[in-house]
Each structure stands twice: as structure tokens, then as C-alpha cells.
Amino acid sequence: MTGHSLVPQAPALRLPVAQMRNVFHPGDVERKLARLQESGNQREYETLRTVYERMLERGPERFQVKPSGVPDMASLYEQLPNFTDVLDDVKRHVALAQDSADGLEVTPMLLLGPPGIGKTHFARQLADLLGTGMNLLPMSSMTAGWLLSGSSAQWKGARPGKVFEALVEGEYANPVIVVDEIDKAASDAQYDPLGALYSLLEHDTAQSFTDEFAEVAIDASQVIWITTANDSRGIPDPILNRMNVFEVEAPTLAQARTIARNLYQGIRTGHDWGRLLDPEPQGDVLDLLATMPPREMRRALMTGFGNARLDRRSTVEVADLPKAATGRGRIGFVQ
């Protein structure tokens, strides 16, 4: 199913190396569309016709991308010091794909750890590193498995699943798909919301994944799967056995200060107004930020930056940070 190699010219994509890969067979779609027209079922016809025509209009080819060499990941190791083992694993997979025609193949991973330590942020950074897109599926809000695998077109309000949408409507054959809080997936006796993952997480069966809505085989074998969880006990063993499991600890206080400093500098350099603020944060500001989960640091910093500029100051002070933050002690950090 792999086609010719090319380097895409669109600068917005910023893809160092890419080849094209078919994510479905147009002939399958054409046959489905012909049978649909012959069936006489008006509801199914109206529901599916647009999807099939859209698939044929866009065509089956998507970018399958990988870094042009083993990337310099030093900045990621600095930004995510408690994800060292995960980053080491990614680097190994990237190295395997170099100097060959093979695509980047990353073993599905589970990031296991307490809330707020940066698991979803890591997934976004990984998608940026690899030059592919990211799709976030929050399992805590899912009540039925069809959100992953689609629901039958015979049902009212039916639609394709998120995997189908990511591959058919997206630009990439190998997007990063994050199944967030997989341990919180709600299930009932009729439908297992994780059921689709049994085939999607296996490379061989994922090559011919059939969405229940479109009923057309999709090649999902190149998807880079990242799942997150606070507790592995709610995850079925057959799912766990399909993934590399990484226990991500909360950062140490020293690591948290490094994260806060990098975040301060990243926000500052990413905005024109940053030139009006000190290039380095104050030590006591870092000490306070280090007591927060990483996901809260950015909000606190934005408040601090704003308050400093309201007073026409270049220095962010502890008093500029949200009042709720200033009364906290250390929470959840490894000593």
C-alpha cells in the first residue's frame, strides 16, 4: 500500500521526510457507493453518500512522515525531565526508521501517572517532533465504543468514528492519536468503548480496520498511539499487553523549577510583548511555580505576566501570581 517517495513542497507542513501511503482502496469505496444507490434505502443513501463521495474527492493518499535524522531532543529532555524513559524509547524508534524506506513505527505506549504531570503536553510535543498531527480522544467523556469505531449507518445520528475521521479527513497516514484517561472509559454490558483498540493496537489487524459506519477498510497500521491513565487497574490486560507501559512520576522539586523556567522563557519568546519582560524569572517565582502541577504553571505565568505589565514592570514578582497559588505548599512532587 506504500507509494512513491516525495518531499512535500508546502512550507506550512514543515515535513523533513515524507512518502505517500494509501489509507484506503478507492475501488472499495466505489463499490460501496454503487451498492448504496441500488439498495433503495433512502436513509442510508443520504447518510453515506456524502462520506463516500468525500473519500473519492480527497483520494486515498496521505503523508507518512518521519524526521530526516535522529532529532536533537535535548530541549525536550529539558522541558520534560520526568519523561526521560519515554523519550529514550521514541529516540530508538526514530533511529530504526533512518537510512531506510521504512516508515516510523512506534509501539503503542501507556503513560501512567498522577493527574497534571504533563502527559497530554508530552503527546503534543511528540507530534511536533515527528512532524505529524495529533488527535485527542478524552475517554472520560465517552459513553459508547462507536466514538472510536463508528456507529452503524442504520442508526439515527450515526457518524464515522474518530480513527476514520483522523485518517480520511486528516493529512497524515501516521497521526498521533491520544486516548486520554483510558482508565476512565465508561462501559456497559452492550458496548465496550475500548473494543476497537483490540485490533487497532495490533499492527497486522490495524492494516484493515473497518469503521462500522462507512464499512470500508482503512489502513490504521501507521497510527502512533499514546494512551494515558492515572491507574492501570481499570485497563483490561489484553489492552495493557499491546502497549509499552511507562510509569511517569511527578517531577522532583528541582525538575519542576526547570520546567517552570523553560515555560517562562518559552511563553516570553513566543510573544512580541515578551521583549518587555525580564529574560530570566526571579528565584522566588520559580520556587512558587514549582509547587504547582505543570498544567497549572502556564495559567499562573500568564496571570503574572499580565499583572507585571499592568504595573509597567519588566519583572514578574510572587505577588503577581494568582492568589490561590501563593497559599500552596508542595504537592505531589518526588523528593
Protein backbone atom coordinates (compact mmCIF):
# COMPACT_ATOMS: atom_id res chain seq x y z
CA MET A 1 0.00 0.00 0.00
CA THR A 2 3.06 2.23 0.06
CA GLY A 3 3.51 4.51 -2.94
CA HIS A 4 6.20 6.74 -4.31
CA SER A 5 8.51 8.88 -2.19
CA LEU A 6 8.47 12.63 -2.23
CA VAL A 7 9.40 15.67 -0.23
CA PRO A 8 6.30 17.90 0.01
CA GLN A 9 6.84 21.49 -1.02
CA ALA A 10 4.19 23.15 1.15
CA PRO A 11 6.24 25.06 3.74
CA ALA A 12 3.37 25.07 6.23
CA LEU A 13 3.72 21.30 6.65
CA ARG A 14 7.38 21.51 7.73
CA LEU A 15 7.93 17.82 6.95
CA PRO A 16 11.60 16.84 6.66
CA VAL A 17 10.92 13.46 5.02
CA ALA A 18 7.66 12.08 3.72
CA GLN A 19 6.29 9.43 1.45
CA MET A 20 2.74 8.86 0.36
CA ARG A 21 0.67 6.00 1.67
CA ASN A 22 -2.82 4.90 0.72
CA VAL A 23 -5.16 4.76 3.72
CA PHE A 24 -7.97 3.06 1.76
CA HIS A 25 -8.69 1.50 -1.64
CA PRO A 26 -10.83 3.75 -3.88
CA GLY A 27 -12.27 0.65 -5.57
CA ASP A 28 -13.81 -0.43 -2.26
CA VAL A 29 -15.47 2.96 -1.90
CA GLU A 30 -16.77 2.94 -5.49
CA ARG A 31 -18.32 -0.49 -4.98
CA LYS A 32 -19.95 0.62 -1.74
CA LEU A 33 -21.36 3.71 -3.43
CA ALA A 34 -22.76 1.67 -6.34
CA ARG A 35 -24.44 -0.81 -3.99
CA LEU A 36 -25.81 2.05 -1.94
CA GLN A 37 -27.51 3.52 -4.99
CA GLU A 38 -29.05 0.12 -5.78
CA SER A 39 -30.29 -0.59 -2.25
CA GLY A 40 -33.18 1.87 -2.27
CA ASN A 41 -32.67 2.63 1.44
CA GLN A 42 -33.12 6.40 1.43
CA ARG A 43 -31.82 7.00 4.98
CA GLU A 44 -28.60 5.07 4.42
CA TYR A 45 -28.17 6.62 1.00
CA GLU A 46 -28.37 10.17 2.30
CA THR A 47 -26.19 9.35 5.31
CA LEU A 48 -23.39 7.54 3.49
CA ARG A 49 -23.36 9.09 0.02
CA THR A 50 -21.66 12.30 1.19
CA VAL A 51 -19.00 10.32 3.06
CA TYR A 52 -18.17 8.08 0.10
CA GLU A 53 -18.08 11.00 -2.33
CA ARG A 54 -15.86 12.93 0.04
CA MET A 55 -13.45 9.98 0.25
CA LEU A 56 -13.22 9.75 -3.55
CA GLU A 57 -12.81 13.50 -3.86
CA ARG A 58 -9.90 13.62 -1.41
CA GLY A 59 -8.32 10.43 -2.66
CA PRO A 60 -6.54 7.77 -0.60
CA GLU A 61 -3.01 9.22 -0.36
CA ARG A 62 -1.79 10.74 2.90
CA PHE A 63 1.64 11.87 4.06
CA GLN A 64 3.58 9.28 6.04
CA VAL A 65 6.22 11.37 7.75
CA LYS A 66 9.32 10.92 9.86
CA PRO A 67 12.23 13.11 10.97
CA SER A 68 15.04 13.30 8.40
CA GLY A 69 17.52 12.16 11.04
CA VAL A 70 17.60 11.32 14.72
CA PRO A 71 16.49 14.72 16.00
CA ASP A 72 18.23 16.76 18.65
CA MET A 73 15.89 16.10 21.54
CA ALA A 74 17.90 17.94 24.19
CA SER A 75 15.26 20.64 24.56
CA LEU A 76 12.54 18.02 25.08
CA TYR A 77 14.61 16.28 27.75
CA GLU A 78 14.89 19.69 29.47
CA GLN A 79 11.20 20.53 29.10
CA LEU A 80 10.03 17.06 30.18
CA PRO A 81 12.67 15.78 32.61
CA ASN A 82 10.30 13.21 34.14
CA PHE A 83 9.66 11.66 30.69
CA THR A 84 13.25 10.54 30.08
CA ASP A 85 12.40 6.84 29.66
CA VAL A 86 9.61 7.62 27.19
CA LEU A 87 11.83 9.95 25.16
CA ASP A 88 14.57 7.29 25.09
CA ASP A 89 12.05 4.85 23.62
CA VAL A 90 10.93 7.34 20.96
CA LYS A 91 14.54 8.03 20.00
CA ARG A 92 15.14 4.29 19.46
CA HIS A 93 12.12 4.04 17.13
CA VAL A 94 13.23 7.11 15.16
CA ALA A 95 16.75 5.63 14.79
CA LEU A 96 15.33 2.39 13.36
CA ALA A 97 13.49 4.29 10.63
CA GLN A 98 16.57 6.20 9.46
CA ASP A 99 18.55 5.33 6.31
CA SER A 100 15.73 3.14 5.04
CA ALA A 101 12.46 3.34 3.14
CA ASP A 102 10.56 2.14 6.20
CA GLY A 103 8.06 4.41 7.85
CA LEU A 104 8.29 5.36 11.50
CA GLU A 105 6.74 2.63 13.62
CA VAL A 106 6.25 3.40 17.31
CA THR A 107 4.99 0.73 19.70
CA PRO A 108 1.74 1.91 21.36
CA MET A 109 2.52 3.42 24.74
CA LEU A 110 0.70 3.94 28.02
CA LEU A 111 1.77 6.91 30.14
CA LEU A 112 0.82 6.02 33.68
CA GLY A 113 0.90 8.63 36.40
CA PRO A 114 -0.98 11.14 38.55
CA PRO A 115 -3.09 13.93 37.00
CA GLY A 116 -1.45 17.15 35.88
CA ILE A 117 2.12 15.91 35.36
CA GLY A 118 2.17 16.73 31.64
CA LYS A 119 1.11 13.50 29.89
CA THR A 120 -1.04 15.26 27.27
CA HIS A 121 1.57 18.02 26.85
CA PHE A 122 4.13 15.30 26.12
CA ALA A 123 1.89 13.90 23.37
CA ARG A 124 1.64 17.32 21.70
CA GLN A 125 5.40 17.78 21.86
CA LEU A 126 5.90 14.32 20.34
CA ALA A 127 3.56 15.13 17.43
CA ASP A 128 5.56 18.33 16.78
CA LEU A 129 8.85 16.42 16.93
CA LEU A 130 7.69 13.78 14.46
CA GLY A 131 6.10 16.31 12.10
CA THR A 132 2.65 14.73 12.18
CA GLY A 133 -0.76 15.74 13.51
CA MET A 134 -2.35 14.97 16.87
CA ASN A 135 -5.90 13.92 17.72
CA LEU A 136 -7.06 13.88 21.35
CA LEU A 137 -9.78 11.41 22.42
CA PRO A 138 -10.88 12.04 26.04
CA MET A 139 -12.19 8.67 27.18
CA SER A 140 -13.70 10.11 30.37
CA SER A 141 -16.42 11.65 28.21
CA MET A 142 -17.01 8.60 26.05
CA THR A 143 -20.10 6.52 26.78
CA ALA A 144 -20.01 4.18 23.78
CA GLY A 145 -17.37 2.39 21.74
CA TRP A 146 -18.69 3.84 18.48
CA LEU A 147 -16.81 7.08 19.16
CA LEU A 148 -13.66 5.17 18.25
CA SER A 149 -15.01 2.77 15.66
CA GLY A 150 -18.13 4.50 14.28
CA SER A 151 -21.79 3.52 14.56
CA SER A 152 -23.93 1.72 12.02
CA ALA A 153 -25.47 3.99 9.40
CA GLN A 154 -28.82 2.38 10.23
CA TRP A 155 -28.93 4.28 13.50
CA LYS A 156 -30.27 7.80 13.76
CA GLY A 157 -27.46 10.31 14.23
CA ALA A 158 -24.84 7.79 13.11
CA ARG A 159 -21.40 9.00 12.11
CA PRO A 160 -17.88 7.69 11.49
CA GLY A 161 -15.52 7.08 14.38
CA LYS A 162 -12.58 9.26 15.35
CA VAL A 163 -9.97 6.95 13.82
CA PHE A 164 -11.74 7.05 10.43
CA GLU A 165 -12.03 10.85 10.64
CA ALA A 166 -8.36 11.29 11.56
CA LEU A 167 -7.18 9.27 8.55
CA VAL A 168 -9.78 10.21 5.93
CA GLU A 169 -10.16 13.91 6.79
CA GLY A 170 -6.61 14.45 8.03
CA GLU A 171 -3.36 14.97 6.16
CA TYR A 172 -1.36 12.11 7.61
CA ALA A 173 -1.25 8.31 7.42
CA ASN A 174 0.58 8.26 10.76
CA PRO A 175 -1.05 10.80 13.07
CA VAL A 176 -0.51 10.73 16.81
CA ILE A 177 -3.79 9.67 18.42
CA VAL A 178 -4.00 10.20 22.17
CA VAL A 179 -6.52 8.11 24.09
CA ASP A 180 -6.66 10.28 27.21
CA GLU A 181 -7.64 8.81 30.59
CA ILE A 182 -8.20 5.35 29.17
CA ASP A 183 -8.79 4.06 32.69
CA LYS A 184 -11.94 6.19 32.93
CA ALA A 185 -13.68 4.73 29.88
CA ALA A 186 -17.30 4.14 30.75
CA SER A 187 -18.76 0.82 29.61
CA ASP A 188 -21.97 -1.12 29.83
CA ALA A 189 -22.99 -4.68 29.08
CA GLN A 190 -23.84 -3.87 25.46
CA TYR A 191 -20.82 -1.93 24.26
CA ASP A 192 -17.16 -1.91 25.25
CA PRO A 193 -15.71 1.54 24.49
CA LEU A 194 -12.24 0.01 24.28
CA GLY A 195 -13.33 -2.82 21.99
CA ALA A 196 -11.92 -1.22 18.84
CA LEU A 197 -8.46 -0.95 20.41
CA TYR A 198 -8.02 -4.72 20.43
CA SER A 199 -7.49 -4.60 16.66
CA LEU A 200 -6.21 -1.02 16.35
CA LEU A 201 -3.24 -1.61 18.67
CA GLU A 202 -2.11 -4.68 16.69
CA HIS A 203 -0.12 -3.73 13.59
CA ASP A 204 -1.40 -6.60 11.41
CA THR A 205 -5.11 -6.23 12.15
CA ALA A 206 -4.92 -2.41 12.07
CA GLN A 207 -3.97 -2.58 8.38
CA SER A 208 -7.56 -3.44 7.60
CA PHE A 209 -9.63 -1.67 10.25
CA THR A 210 -13.29 -1.38 9.32
CA ASP A 211 -15.26 1.55 10.66
CA GLU A 212 -18.80 0.43 11.46
CA PHE A 213 -20.32 3.50 9.83
CA ALA A 214 -18.54 3.54 6.47
CA GLU A 215 -17.85 -0.22 6.33
CA VAL A 216 -14.74 0.44 4.25
CA ALA A 217 -11.37 -1.00 5.31
CA ILE A 218 -8.95 1.68 6.49
CA ASP A 219 -5.20 1.26 6.99
CA ALA A 220 -4.63 2.43 10.57
CA SER A 221 -1.41 0.47 10.99
CA GLN A 222 0.79 3.57 10.96
CA VAL A 223 -1.08 5.46 13.69
CA ILE A 224 1.13 6.40 16.65
CA TRP A 225 -0.90 5.52 19.74
CA ILE A 226 -0.40 7.21 23.10
CA THR A 227 -2.73 6.35 25.95
CA THR A 228 -2.75 7.99 29.37
CA ALA A 229 -4.07 6.77 32.69
CA ASN A 230 -3.90 7.55 36.38
CA ASP A 231 -4.38 3.90 37.38
CA SER A 232 -3.80 0.76 35.31
CA ARG A 233 -6.24 -1.42 37.30
CA GLY A 234 -9.19 -0.32 35.16
CA ILE A 235 -7.49 -1.29 31.90
CA PRO A 236 -8.08 -4.82 30.56
CA ASP A 237 -4.94 -6.99 30.43
CA PRO A 238 -5.24 -7.64 26.66
CA ILE A 239 -5.03 -3.87 26.12
CA LEU A 240 -2.10 -3.46 28.52
CA ASN A 241 -0.25 -6.31 26.81
CA ARG A 242 -0.35 -4.44 23.50
CA MET A 243 1.50 -1.39 24.85
CA ASN A 244 4.79 -0.32 26.36
CA VAL A 245 3.87 0.91 29.84
CA PHE A 246 5.80 3.85 31.29
CA GLU A 247 5.24 4.91 34.89
CA VAL A 248 5.76 8.67 34.83
CA GLU A 249 6.48 10.15 38.23
CA ALA A 250 5.76 13.68 39.26
CA PRO A 251 8.86 15.83 38.75
CA THR A 252 11.24 16.44 41.62
CA LEU A 253 11.29 19.96 43.00
CA ALA A 254 14.47 20.68 41.04
CA GLN A 255 12.91 19.30 37.85
CA ALA A 256 9.76 21.33 38.48
CA ARG A 257 11.84 24.53 38.74
CA THR A 258 13.47 23.65 35.40
CA ILE A 259 10.05 23.06 33.82
CA ALA A 260 8.80 26.40 35.17
CA ARG A 261 11.88 28.26 33.90
CA ASN A 262 11.59 26.71 30.43
CA LEU A 263 7.89 27.55 30.36
CA TYR A 264 8.58 31.15 31.40
CA GLN A 265 11.13 31.55 28.64
CA GLY A 266 9.01 29.75 26.05
CA ILE A 267 5.99 32.00 26.65
CA ARG A 268 8.15 35.12 26.73
CA THR A 269 9.94 34.40 23.44
CA GLY A 270 6.70 33.30 21.80
CA HIS A 271 5.06 36.73 22.14
CA ASP A 272 6.10 40.17 20.99
CA TRP A 273 5.22 41.55 24.42
CA GLY A 274 7.84 39.19 25.87
CA ARG A 275 10.60 41.68 24.97
CA LEU A 276 9.17 43.96 27.68
CA LEU A 277 9.78 41.33 30.37
CA ASP A 278 12.94 40.08 32.06
CA PRO A 279 14.62 37.20 30.20
CA GLU A 280 15.04 35.27 33.47
CA PRO A 281 12.38 34.68 36.16
CA GLN A 282 13.03 35.52 39.81
CA GLY A 283 14.09 32.65 42.07
CA ASP A 284 11.15 33.00 44.46
CA VAL A 285 8.75 32.97 41.49
CA LEU A 286 10.29 29.69 40.33
CA ASP A 287 10.02 28.28 43.86
CA LEU A 288 6.30 29.02 43.90
CA LEU A 289 5.65 27.75 40.38
CA ALA A 290 7.49 24.54 41.25
CA THR A 291 4.78 23.68 43.80
CA MET A 292 2.15 23.51 41.05
CA PRO A 293 1.31 20.68 38.67
CA PRO A 294 2.83 21.52 35.27
CA ARG A 295 -0.59 22.03 33.68
CA GLU A 296 -1.26 24.93 36.10
CA MET A 297 2.08 26.67 35.64
CA ARG A 298 1.16 28.27 32.31
CA ARG A 299 -2.06 29.79 33.65
CA ALA A 300 -0.22 31.19 36.66
CA LEU A 301 2.53 32.63 34.47
CA MET A 302 0.08 34.33 32.12
CA THR A 303 -1.57 35.97 35.11
CA GLY A 304 1.84 37.02 36.43
CA PHE A 305 2.94 38.47 33.11
CA GLY A 306 -0.29 40.44 32.83
CA ASN A 307 -0.08 41.84 36.36
CA ALA A 308 3.55 42.88 35.85
CA ARG A 309 2.65 44.78 32.68
CA LEU A 310 -0.34 46.43 34.37
CA ASP A 311 2.20 47.96 36.77
CA ARG A 312 4.52 48.76 33.85
CA ARG A 313 7.19 46.45 35.31
CA SER A 314 9.52 44.11 33.47
CA THR A 315 9.93 41.81 36.47
CA VAL A 316 7.30 39.24 37.45
CA GLU A 317 7.00 39.09 41.24
CA VAL A 318 5.43 36.49 43.52
CA ALA A 319 2.58 38.88 44.24
CA ASP A 320 1.74 38.91 40.51
CA LEU A 321 0.86 35.23 40.53
CA PRO A 322 -2.73 34.11 41.29
CA LYS A 323 -3.65 34.45 44.97
CA ALA A 324 -4.78 30.82 45.13
CA ALA A 325 -1.27 29.73 44.16
CA THR A 326 0.55 31.77 46.79
CA GLY A 327 -1.03 29.86 49.67
CA ARG A 328 0.03 26.44 48.48
CA GLY A 329 2.66 24.10 49.79
CA ARG A 330 4.42 21.47 47.75
CA ILE A 331 2.03 18.98 46.28
CA GLY A 332 2.78 15.62 44.79
CA PHE A 333 6.46 16.08 43.97
CA VAL A 334 9.15 13.46 44.34
CA GLN A 335 11.86 14.45 46.79
